[in-house]
Structure formats: C-alpha cells, structure tokens
Amino acid sequence: MTLSALPPQRGPEPPPEPTPTRASALVMEIGAGLRARESEIAEVMTRRITNEIDYTRDDPPLADLRAASIHANVATMIELLASDIPVDHLQPPTASVEYARRMAQREIPSNFLVRAYHMGQNVMMRICHDEVGRRGLPTPLGLAVLTRLTELVYAYTDWITVYVFETYETERMRRTNARGNVHSSTVHSLLSATAPDPAVFESETGYRLDQTHLAVILWYTGNDEAGALSLLDSGTRTLAHVLRADGAPLVTAIDRRTLWVWIPFGRQPAVEATELGSVTGLPEGVRLAIGLPSPGLDGFRRSQQQAAAAYFVATIPGTPSAPVTIGFGDPGVAVVSLLAKNLDSTREWVREVLGGLADDTDQAATLRDTLSTFYESGESHLHTAQQMILHRNTVKYRITKAVEATRGGATGHEKLDIALALRICRFLGRNVLRPPS
C-alpha cells in the first residue's frame, strides 16, 4: 500500500453537545446543595445590601423586616433552582411584600428597593459561578449550566422586583390619598431630634405646637385589609368630635393598620381623664391607646410616649383581650408598661408575691379577681359584693381563700405589693402566671 492510499488521520472526537436535560439536572443539584447554606447566603447578601444602601440604621424594626425579606427571597430562589419550579407558579414571600409596603409608608425612595434586588441577584450569581467552577465541568457543559442558572436567577429577580414595586406604588398612592396624613419622617424627626425646630415642623404640617395636645395611637384588628386606613381615619374623626378638638388632628400613618394622631385643644382646658375612657362610636375593629393631655413641644412628645406605653401593654402577645380603649392614665397601665419590658423578672416577682394565687387555673383567676376588686373598693366586703353582684358571705369566703393562697409565696410582701401583682396579672395574664402542673 502506498502512502497516498493510507486513510486520512482524524483528530479526537469533539465532546458531545450538552443536553438541556443534563444542564438542568446539574442546576437542580447545585440548588439542592445550596439549601444547607441558606442562612449563610442570606447573611452575605444582607451585609452587601446594608453596606451599599443602609437606610434603616435608625429604624430597627424596618432593619429586621429587611433581613427577613432577604432570607425569604434567598430561600425561594434556592427552591426555584433545586426543584425547577416555573417562576409563574411561585408566591411572593410575605416578608418581602410587607417590606415594600413599609418602605412606601416611610417614604424611602423606590429605587433603593430595586437596587437592593439587583445586588441580591449579583451575590447569588457569584455563588452560582463558584459552585459551577468547583465542579470542574467540561467547558460546554459548564457554560450551559451557567446559562441556565443565569436565566433562572434573572427570571426570579425580574418577577419579584416587578411585584414588590407594584406593592410599593399601591401603598404610596394609598398614603397620598389618606385624609390629613403628614410625612411620617417629619413627625419622627420632631420626636427624636435633640434640638428640634418647631418652626420648620409647623410650616411643613400646619399644626401648631404652642397648645395642648393629646396623643393617640389607633390600630385596626379586623380583617378588612383594604379598608383599614379608611376605618382608622373614620375613628380619628369620631375621636376628635367626641373630645371636642380645637382643630383638625395631626395624623401620620405608621403602617397600613396603625395611625399616630395628635388631638389639638388650643388653650382650652384639657379633656378630663373620665372622658378618655368613654369614647364610643368607633368603627368595628379599631382600638385606641391614649396618652395624657400636655402642652407645648414637650407635651407633644410626652403624650406620644405615654400613648406608645399604653399601646405596648395592649399588644404584648399572649395578654388577655384588652378593652377597645386603653389609656396611660388608667390604673396600673403606667407601672405595667415599665415592668413588662423585663418579663422574666416581673414573672418571678409576681409568683413570689402571689404564691398559689399566681396559678393559671380558673379557681385562682376567680380568687384574683375578687381580691383585686376588694382592694380597689377600699377593702369593703359590702362594696365588693355590690360590684361583683355576689353575696357578702361569698366575698368573705373568697377573700379568705385568696389570702391563704398568697401565703404560699415569699414572706414580707405588703398589701400594696399584692395589689400591684394582681394588677399585673390582669394586664399580662399567662405571660406572668404559673402554668398548670
């Protein structure tokens, strides 16, 4: 055979083109591996976003919600990769939707929201690149996997950004249309500034500070989410009418279920404490936490602090159902608002003082109620019986049993301690009571 008759030499066969199925399987494998790193990825993403656009430094609740939103987005994105779920089958994370609303309520520019999602996309893609590189895949297959990862991460980011941006705009328009609403940032600045400028505040809000103010927090506990602000606005107008306000209230929306309100009284005598607890005609589901009337800039701030303290007592998780209206001036509210900030110590003290009377049982609850009414009635068996619609002998029997129950607690506590401990139980309920054995 001559050289010219030899068959031509052929080079190595090129690797087969990667199939979409193989690329998708590797994407799912990478997603499954990222599940174990979910918290780590969320932490890295949070740090990156915070370092670049930190607008929550002075708003810890908003910072917490942002962290929850980032973690929820990371979890959803990883599940998208690991399970190959179509983007249009996803539900937006609740924390992310709520975070967009809160940003609108605090008038934080929406471009910060969009930028944060693009930063999150960048962090996720860097991690995906590292995961592909670590596997040492053939170049065509590696490129196919990266292409698929990019498509999925981009599709999720685009979808969630559009959703939360629409949520932001809807909330912004709702706030813009809310009657009498002023910028929350203006109010927060006056409340927190060490050297506030009353003239600037009055110019921006049209609300005078050289008068008597009554701060009120209104919040909605019903299910009509869309109509919450309208119901709260109606409650504000009812309150101003009942209390004979001297002008239009100052109103700022804290979120879609909560308003901070200041009722102006000019220089007329402040509303009586008895009138504060008798507000009627409020819309269903609207509740009030009320400060005390006080004059001037200091009074504007102090009354709001008092309303916030009453609101804190009324909204502690696990407490008994509070009345529609709770005031800082109501018996025990001021003290309980302070003690409730350290529940562990308060719980121990209540159980030491009340002994068996601190048990979370129906019998102990009946005795607590009777003894508390007895103290509030000037330790009169007759007045206690009349108030509780009981026979006098029944009251005497219950008082005896209640006093005997307290002897199981620590010694040396006076009636004042016992009366205060009973008041704490009334407000905080199972948060301080001893669980049944």
Foldseek 3Di string as FASTA:
>chain_A
DDPVPDDDDDDDDDDDQDDLVVLLVVQLVVLVVCVVVLVVLLVVLLVVLCVVDPPCPVPVVLSVLVSVQSSVLSNVLSCCRNVVDPLVVDDRDPSLLQSLQQCLQLVPDLVSVLVSLVSSLVSVLVVVLVVLVVVPDPPSSSVSNSVVSNVSSVVNSVVNSVVSVVSNVVSNVVQVPQPQAANVVLVVCLLPPPDDDQVVSCVRRVDHQQFKKKKKKKFFDDDPLVCQSVLVSVQQVLVLVLQVAPDRWHWHASGSGMIIIIGTRGHDDGGDPVSQVPRDDRPPRMAMQIFGIDHGSVRVNRRNVQSVLQVCLCPDPPWPHDDRYTYSPPPLSVVLSVVVVPLVVLLVLLCQQQAQLLAQDPLSVVLLVLVLLCVVVVNDLVVSCVVVVHDSVVSVVSPVVRVVRRVNHHPDDDPVSNNSSSVSCNRGPPSRGDYDD
